[in-house]
Protein backbone atom coordinates (compact mmCIF):
# COMPACT_ATOMS: atom_id res chain seq x y z
CA MET A 1 70.34 109.57 111.14
CA ASP A 2 67.80 107.88 108.88
CA PHE A 3 68.41 104.12 108.94
CA SER A 4 65.28 103.20 106.98
CA LEU A 5 67.61 101.66 104.38
CA PRO A 6 69.62 98.56 105.40
CA ILE A 7 72.94 99.49 106.99
CA ARG A 8 75.74 98.32 104.71
CA LYS A 9 79.31 97.44 105.61
CA ILE A 10 81.66 99.14 103.16
CA ILE A 11 85.45 98.97 103.14
CA HIS A 12 87.71 101.29 101.17
CA VAL A 13 91.19 99.79 100.74
CA ASP A 14 93.94 102.16 99.62
CA MET A 15 97.53 101.05 99.06
CA ASP A 16 100.16 103.27 100.70
CA ALA A 17 102.20 105.27 98.15
CA PHE A 18 101.68 102.33 95.82
CA TYR A 19 104.02 102.93 92.86
CA ALA A 20 106.82 104.27 95.06
CA SER A 21 106.36 101.48 97.59
CA VAL A 22 106.65 98.86 94.83
CA GLU A 23 109.92 100.42 93.71
CA GLN A 24 111.26 100.47 97.27
CA HIS A 25 110.17 96.87 97.81
CA ASP A 26 111.81 95.63 94.60
CA ASN A 27 114.98 97.67 95.12
CA PRO A 28 116.06 97.61 98.80
CA ALA A 29 118.60 100.37 98.10
CA LEU A 30 115.65 102.80 97.79
CA ARG A 31 114.10 101.98 101.15
CA GLY A 32 113.97 104.85 103.60
CA LYS A 33 114.89 107.33 100.87
CA PRO A 34 112.82 110.03 99.10
CA VAL A 35 111.65 108.43 95.86
CA ALA A 36 109.56 109.83 93.00
CA VAL A 37 108.15 107.68 90.23
CA GLY A 38 108.21 109.64 86.97
CA GLY A 39 110.45 111.39 84.45
CA GLU A 40 113.21 113.39 86.07
CA HIS A 41 113.77 116.03 83.39
CA ARG A 42 110.49 116.85 81.63
CA GLY A 43 107.78 114.80 83.29
CA VAL A 44 105.57 114.95 86.33
CA VAL A 45 105.62 112.93 89.52
CA SER A 46 103.32 109.89 89.27
CA ALA A 47 103.87 108.90 92.89
CA ALA A 48 106.03 109.95 95.83
CA SER A 49 107.29 107.90 98.76
CA TYR A 50 106.41 109.03 102.26
CA GLU A 51 110.01 110.13 102.71
CA ALA A 52 109.60 112.45 99.69
CA ARG A 53 106.23 113.73 100.88
CA LYS A 54 107.90 115.15 103.99
CA TYR A 55 109.56 117.66 101.65
CA GLY A 56 106.26 118.59 100.00
CA VAL A 57 106.67 116.36 96.93
CA ARG A 58 103.27 115.25 95.62
CA SER A 59 101.86 113.32 92.69
CA ALA A 60 101.08 115.40 89.56
CA MET A 61 103.79 117.89 90.57
CA PRO A 62 106.21 118.90 87.79
CA SER A 63 109.48 117.03 88.25
CA LYS A 64 111.42 120.30 88.26
CA THR A 65 109.37 121.59 91.21
CA ALA A 66 109.80 118.28 93.03
CA ARG A 67 113.58 118.50 92.60
CA GLU A 68 113.58 122.05 93.97
CA LYS A 69 111.69 120.94 97.06
CA CYS A 70 113.89 117.88 97.60
CA PRO A 71 117.35 118.19 95.96
CA HIS A 72 118.31 114.61 96.86
CA LEU A 73 115.08 113.15 95.42
CA ILE A 74 115.61 109.85 93.57
CA PHE A 75 113.62 109.54 90.34
CA VAL A 76 112.73 106.10 88.99
CA PRO A 77 110.84 105.40 85.74
CA PRO A 78 107.37 103.87 86.11
CA ARG A 79 106.90 100.13 85.51
CA PHE A 80 103.18 99.79 84.89
CA ALA A 81 103.33 96.11 83.99
CA ARG A 82 104.73 95.42 87.45
CA TYR A 83 102.12 97.59 89.17
CA LYS A 84 99.33 95.80 87.30
CA GLU A 85 100.77 92.41 88.25
CA ILE A 86 100.67 93.30 91.96
CA SER A 87 97.25 94.93 91.60
CA ARG A 88 95.86 91.63 90.25
CA LYS A 89 97.20 89.78 93.30
CA ILE A 90 95.57 92.30 95.61
CA ARG A 91 92.20 91.98 93.87
CA GLU A 92 92.36 88.20 94.16
CA ILE A 93 92.54 88.72 97.92
CA PHE A 94 89.47 90.98 97.80
CA TYR A 95 87.49 88.32 95.93
CA GLU A 96 88.18 85.81 98.70
CA TYR A 97 85.74 87.86 100.78
CA THR A 98 83.20 89.34 98.34
CA ASP A 99 82.36 89.63 94.66
CA LEU A 100 81.13 93.19 95.24
CA VAL A 101 84.47 94.85 94.50
CA GLU A 102 84.62 98.23 92.74
CA PRO A 103 88.19 99.05 91.67
CA LEU A 104 88.87 102.79 91.40
CA SER A 105 92.44 102.39 90.14
CA LEU A 106 95.32 99.94 90.44
CA ASP A 107 95.79 100.82 94.10
CA GLU A 108 92.34 101.33 95.62
CA ALA A 109 88.89 99.75 95.68
CA TYR A 110 85.58 99.65 97.50
CA LEU A 111 84.30 96.37 98.93
CA ASP A 112 80.76 95.68 100.12
CA VAL A 113 81.08 93.01 102.84
CA THR A 114 77.57 93.27 104.25
CA GLU A 115 77.19 89.68 103.02
CA ASN A 116 80.62 88.07 102.71
CA LYS A 117 81.95 84.68 101.66
CA LYS A 118 83.49 83.92 105.06
CA ASP A 119 80.47 84.93 107.15
CA ILE A 120 82.64 87.27 109.23
CA GLU A 121 80.37 89.62 111.15
CA SER A 122 82.87 92.43 111.72
CA ALA A 123 83.90 94.49 108.67
CA ASN A 124 86.75 95.79 110.82
CA ASP A 125 88.08 92.22 111.17
CA ILE A 126 87.75 91.65 107.42
CA ALA A 127 89.74 94.82 106.65
CA ARG A 128 92.45 93.75 109.09
CA GLU A 129 92.66 90.29 107.50
CA ILE A 130 92.84 91.75 103.99
CA ARG A 131 95.61 94.17 104.94
CA GLN A 132 97.59 91.37 106.58
CA LYS A 133 97.23 89.11 103.51
CA ILE A 134 98.30 91.94 101.19
CA PHE A 135 101.43 92.42 103.28
CA GLU A 136 102.21 88.70 103.43
CA GLN A 137 101.77 88.18 99.68
CA THR A 138 103.25 91.41 98.31
CA GLY A 139 105.37 92.93 101.07
CA LEU A 140 103.35 96.16 100.74
CA THR A 141 101.14 97.97 103.24
CA ALA A 142 97.57 99.15 102.76
CA SER A 143 95.24 101.38 104.73
CA ALA A 144 91.49 100.91 105.06
CA GLY A 145 88.38 102.83 105.99
CA ILE A 146 85.23 101.08 107.18
CA SER A 147 81.75 102.56 107.49
CA ILE A 148 78.15 102.48 106.28
CA ASN A 149 78.70 104.02 102.85
CA LYS A 150 81.37 104.71 100.24
CA PHE A 151 81.82 108.38 101.12
CA LEU A 152 82.55 107.69 104.78
CA ALA A 153 84.78 104.70 104.03
CA LYS A 154 86.84 106.83 101.63
CA VAL A 155 87.26 109.60 104.20
CA ALA A 156 88.11 107.08 106.94
CA SER A 157 90.83 105.31 104.93
CA ASP A 158 92.95 108.48 104.95
CA ILE A 159 92.84 109.04 108.70
CA ASN A 160 95.38 106.49 109.95
CA LYS A 161 97.65 106.32 106.89
CA PRO A 162 100.04 104.71 106.32
CA ASN A 163 99.42 101.07 107.31
CA GLY A 164 96.36 101.73 109.47
CA GLN A 165 92.59 101.60 109.43
CA LYS A 166 89.68 103.54 110.82
CA THR A 167 86.10 102.47 111.46
CA ILE A 168 83.28 105.00 111.66
CA HIS A 169 80.46 103.16 113.44
CA PRO A 170 76.83 103.93 112.57
CA ASP A 171 76.17 105.59 115.93
CA LYS A 172 79.26 107.80 115.53
CA VAL A 173 78.62 109.02 111.97
CA GLU A 174 76.90 112.30 112.79
CA SER A 175 79.35 113.37 115.50
CA PHE A 176 82.31 112.40 113.29
CA LEU A 177 81.03 114.44 110.35
CA GLU A 178 80.17 117.45 112.49
CA GLU A 179 83.79 117.72 113.67
CA LEU A 180 85.37 116.89 110.31
CA PRO A 181 87.18 119.87 108.68
CA VAL A 182 85.48 120.63 105.36
CA GLU A 183 88.75 120.26 103.43
CA LYS A 184 88.79 116.61 104.56
CA PHE A 185 85.44 115.89 102.91
CA TYR A 186 86.12 113.71 99.87
CA GLY A 187 85.33 115.77 96.77
CA VAL A 188 86.03 119.17 98.36
CA GLY A 189 89.09 120.61 96.64
CA LYS A 190 91.17 123.66 97.53
CA VAL A 191 89.03 126.15 95.61
CA THR A 192 85.77 124.92 97.16
CA ALA A 193 87.32 124.72 100.62
CA ASN A 194 88.55 128.33 100.37
CA LYS A 195 85.09 129.45 99.27
CA MET A 196 83.59 127.65 102.26
CA PHE A 197 86.10 129.34 104.59
CA THR A 198 85.02 132.78 103.35
CA LEU A 199 81.43 131.77 104.19
CA GLY A 200 82.37 130.75 107.72
CA ILE A 201 82.14 127.05 106.96
CA PHE A 202 85.11 125.32 108.57
CA LYS A 203 83.70 122.05 109.90
CA GLY A 204 80.83 119.73 109.12
CA LYS A 205 78.70 121.32 111.83
CA ASP A 206 79.02 124.68 110.03
CA LEU A 207 78.06 123.08 106.73
CA LYS A 208 75.08 121.42 108.38
CA LYS A 209 73.62 124.81 109.32
CA LYS A 210 73.15 125.71 105.67
CA SER A 211 69.84 124.81 104.04
CA LEU A 212 69.63 122.76 100.87
CA HIS A 213 68.52 125.87 98.96
CA GLU A 214 71.51 127.88 100.23
CA LEU A 215 74.03 125.19 99.34
CA VAL A 216 72.63 124.67 95.85
CA SER A 217 72.66 128.43 95.19
CA LEU A 218 76.27 128.62 96.40
CA PHE A 219 77.71 125.43 94.89
CA GLY A 220 75.30 124.34 92.16
CA LYS A 221 74.62 120.60 91.86
CA SER A 222 77.39 119.85 94.35
CA GLY A 223 75.36 121.70 96.98
CA SER A 224 72.84 118.87 97.29
CA HIS A 225 75.73 116.40 97.62
CA TYR A 226 77.24 118.42 100.50
CA TYR A 227 73.81 118.69 102.14
CA ASN A 228 73.40 114.92 102.11
CA VAL A 229 76.88 113.68 102.96
CA VAL A 230 77.26 115.93 106.01
CA ARG A 231 74.18 114.08 107.30
CA GLY A 232 75.72 110.70 106.50
CA ILE A 233 73.52 110.15 103.45
CA HIS A 234 75.30 108.60 100.47
CA ASN A 235 73.41 105.78 98.80
CA SER A 236 75.75 104.98 95.92
CA GLU A 237 76.22 101.21 95.76
CA VAL A 238 79.50 99.37 95.26
CA LYS A 239 79.48 98.69 91.52
CA PRO A 240 81.55 95.62 90.59
CA HIS A 241 81.05 96.16 86.86
CA ARG A 242 82.62 99.56 86.28
CA ILE A 243 82.57 100.43 82.60
CA GLN A 244 85.68 101.92 81.01
CA LYS A 245 84.73 105.27 79.48
CA SER A 246 87.94 106.31 77.74
CA VAL A 247 91.37 105.11 76.66
CA ALA A 248 94.28 107.57 76.53
CA VAL A 249 97.95 107.75 75.62
CA GLU A 250 100.21 110.75 76.09
CA ARG A 251 103.87 111.73 76.05
CA THR A 252 105.86 114.44 77.84
CA PHE A 253 108.92 115.34 75.78
CA PHE A 254 112.50 115.73 76.98
CA GLU A 255 112.83 118.77 74.72
CA ASP A 256 110.01 121.07 73.63
CA LEU A 257 108.65 120.46 70.16
CA TYR A 258 108.70 123.36 67.67
CA ASP A 259 108.80 121.65 64.30
CA GLU A 260 105.70 120.52 62.36
CA GLN A 261 107.47 117.38 61.20
CA GLN A 262 108.24 116.44 64.79
CA ILE A 263 104.61 116.97 65.72
CA ASP A 264 103.49 114.72 62.83
CA GLU A 265 105.88 111.98 63.91
CA LYS A 266 104.69 112.12 67.51
CA LEU A 267 101.01 112.11 66.52
CA GLU A 268 101.61 109.12 64.26
CA SER A 269 103.40 107.26 67.06
CA LEU A 270 100.64 108.08 69.57
CA SER A 271 97.99 106.94 67.07
CA ALA A 272 99.74 103.60 66.62
CA GLU A 273 100.05 103.12 70.38
CA LEU A 274 96.41 104.03 70.96
CA HIS A 275 95.27 101.61 68.25
CA GLN A 276 97.38 98.80 69.72
CA ARG A 277 95.93 99.35 73.18
CA LEU A 278 92.37 99.43 71.84
CA GLN A 279 92.85 96.29 69.72
CA LYS A 280 94.21 94.37 72.68
CA ASN A 281 90.95 94.94 74.59
CA ASN A 282 88.58 94.85 71.59
CA ILE A 283 87.50 98.47 72.18
CA LEU A 284 86.15 100.96 69.65
CA GLY A 285 85.15 104.59 70.14
CA ARG A 286 83.52 107.53 68.39
CA THR A 287 85.19 110.60 69.98
CA LEU A 288 88.87 111.37 69.49
CA THR A 289 90.43 114.08 71.67
CA LEU A 290 93.79 115.78 71.20
CA LYS A 291 95.51 117.19 74.26
CA ILE A 292 98.31 119.75 73.98
CA LYS A 293 100.31 121.10 76.90
CA TYR A 294 102.55 124.03 76.05
CA LYS A 295 105.90 125.01 77.52
CA ASP A 296 104.15 127.49 79.84
CA PHE A 297 101.87 124.63 81.09
CA SER A 298 98.77 126.08 79.43
CA LEU A 299 96.48 123.33 78.18
CA PHE A 300 94.41 122.93 75.02
CA THR A 301 92.03 120.11 74.12
CA ARG A 302 89.75 119.62 71.15
CA SER A 303 87.59 116.66 70.04
CA ILE A 304 85.88 115.28 66.94
CA THR A 305 82.96 112.86 67.29
CA LYS A 306 81.90 110.56 64.44
CA GLU A 307 78.59 108.83 63.82
CA ASP A 308 80.39 105.49 63.47
CA TYR A 309 83.49 104.11 65.19
CA TYR A 310 87.11 104.91 64.48
CA ILE A 311 88.73 101.67 63.36
CA SER A 312 92.39 102.28 62.44
CA ALA A 313 95.58 103.98 63.51
CA GLU A 314 95.52 105.91 60.25
CA GLU A 315 92.11 107.37 61.16
CA TYR A 316 93.41 108.47 64.55
CA PHE A 317 96.45 110.03 62.91
CA GLN A 318 94.57 111.94 60.21
CA THR A 319 91.96 113.17 62.69
CA SER A 320 94.60 114.23 65.18
CA LYS A 321 96.27 116.32 62.48
CA LYS A 322 92.95 118.09 61.82
CA LEU A 323 92.64 118.77 65.56
CA TRP A 324 96.22 120.06 65.63
CA GLU A 325 95.27 122.64 63.00
CA LEU A 326 92.64 124.01 65.44
CA ARG A 327 95.26 124.88 68.08
CA PRO A 328 95.06 128.48 69.35
CA PHE A 329 98.82 129.09 69.71
CA ASP A 330 102.09 128.43 67.93
CA LYS A 331 104.08 127.90 71.09
CA PRO A 332 106.60 125.20 72.08
CA VAL A 333 104.86 121.94 73.02
CA ARG A 334 105.92 119.87 76.04
CA LEU A 335 103.15 117.21 75.93
CA LEU A 336 100.84 115.59 73.39
CA GLY A 337 98.05 113.15 74.14
CA LEU A 338 95.29 111.29 72.33
CA SER A 339 92.24 109.74 73.94
CA LEU A 340 89.19 107.90 72.66
CA SER A 341 85.78 108.05 74.35
CA HIS A 342 82.13 107.18 73.63
CA LEU A 343 83.31 103.58 73.63
CA ASN A 344 81.52 100.39 72.65
CA THR A 345 81.98 99.28 76.28
CA GLU A 346 79.03 101.54 77.13
CA GLU A 347 76.86 99.65 74.64
CA LYS A 348 78.01 96.34 76.14
CA LYS A 349 76.83 97.61 79.50
CA GLN A 350 73.33 98.19 78.12
CA VAL A 351 73.23 94.71 76.59
CA SER A 352 74.36 92.94 79.76
CA VAL A 353 72.44 94.88 82.40
CA GLN A 354 69.37 92.63 82.21
CA LEU A 355 71.57 89.64 82.96
CA LYS A 356 73.38 91.26 85.85
CA ILE A 357 70.49 92.60 87.88
CA PRO A 358 68.71 89.29 88.72
CA PHE A 359 72.05 87.70 89.66
CA GLN A 360 72.91 90.52 92.03
CA GLU A 361 69.45 90.49 93.58
CA PHE A 362 69.72 86.74 94.19
CA ASN A 363 73.03 87.14 96.01
CA ASN A 364 72.00 90.26 97.91
CA PRO A 365 68.43 89.91 99.17
């Protein structure tokens, strides 16, 4: 491996079945039982407890399918305010050790502990301390992966789940990656994995035999990523100032929508909710996107981008109606969503970057 760059100590912390675990913690009657967070009749599963996963229930699975796989599955509605409350507590623990924290969602984050506030030499010890504090303060378990870069830490955090951790030491990186099944590489989905199988690529050592030119011709831009990561090369830094790129609201309906008046009412309600969420965080955007999911699960999206920012719920509503008119089908609708992108948060990033860089360099020589 090329260690010409300083070896970093990166931790990926991932809460175990977070939403479902919160529900089981807050309601002891659910403990040890198969639980799905989401709408029972017309929604999708947001999270599944480990007991439910044994039956093949997974997040993003239609609730109907989940019920078929596990007839005694217990559905509970999501409580996002509660999940955010616990997520804030968890992040406070992270910041006891480092300011270089990159949240990926409410339940996972990268931490760069190469230089840390407690001068603890072992990243493995830091991960163990963090997991213990999370359990003591929230009653929930977390898993962690520790290695020299974000890619390896992410892969490692999944190995000893739940409530475990895995360290991939610098001198073990190459041998670990060579034996790693390609479907375990973070970023390799089912379609890509199946394509790799047809090419005789089953493990990292098979992937490593392919030249950069071959991988790019086979997988496009992702080919260069695969070429690098199988060699342990992934130089993306932990970015503590992640910029929000979109804000979205959507609704799955108990009964399919057929009527134009119903559609208008739902679009108006979604527009008001989107505006309220944006106002709360002082966010504006220039691109509005309408998302339609039909009864047969086919999906349609269409966007309109303005030169200036959208500023009112009425603008969202009127624009969403124009986008609705562009729909390709007159079929029953099971879901509607609105999202805003090209946000002013991206401009704020440009304004503040000159202030951030010297500060980070001072703290990370």
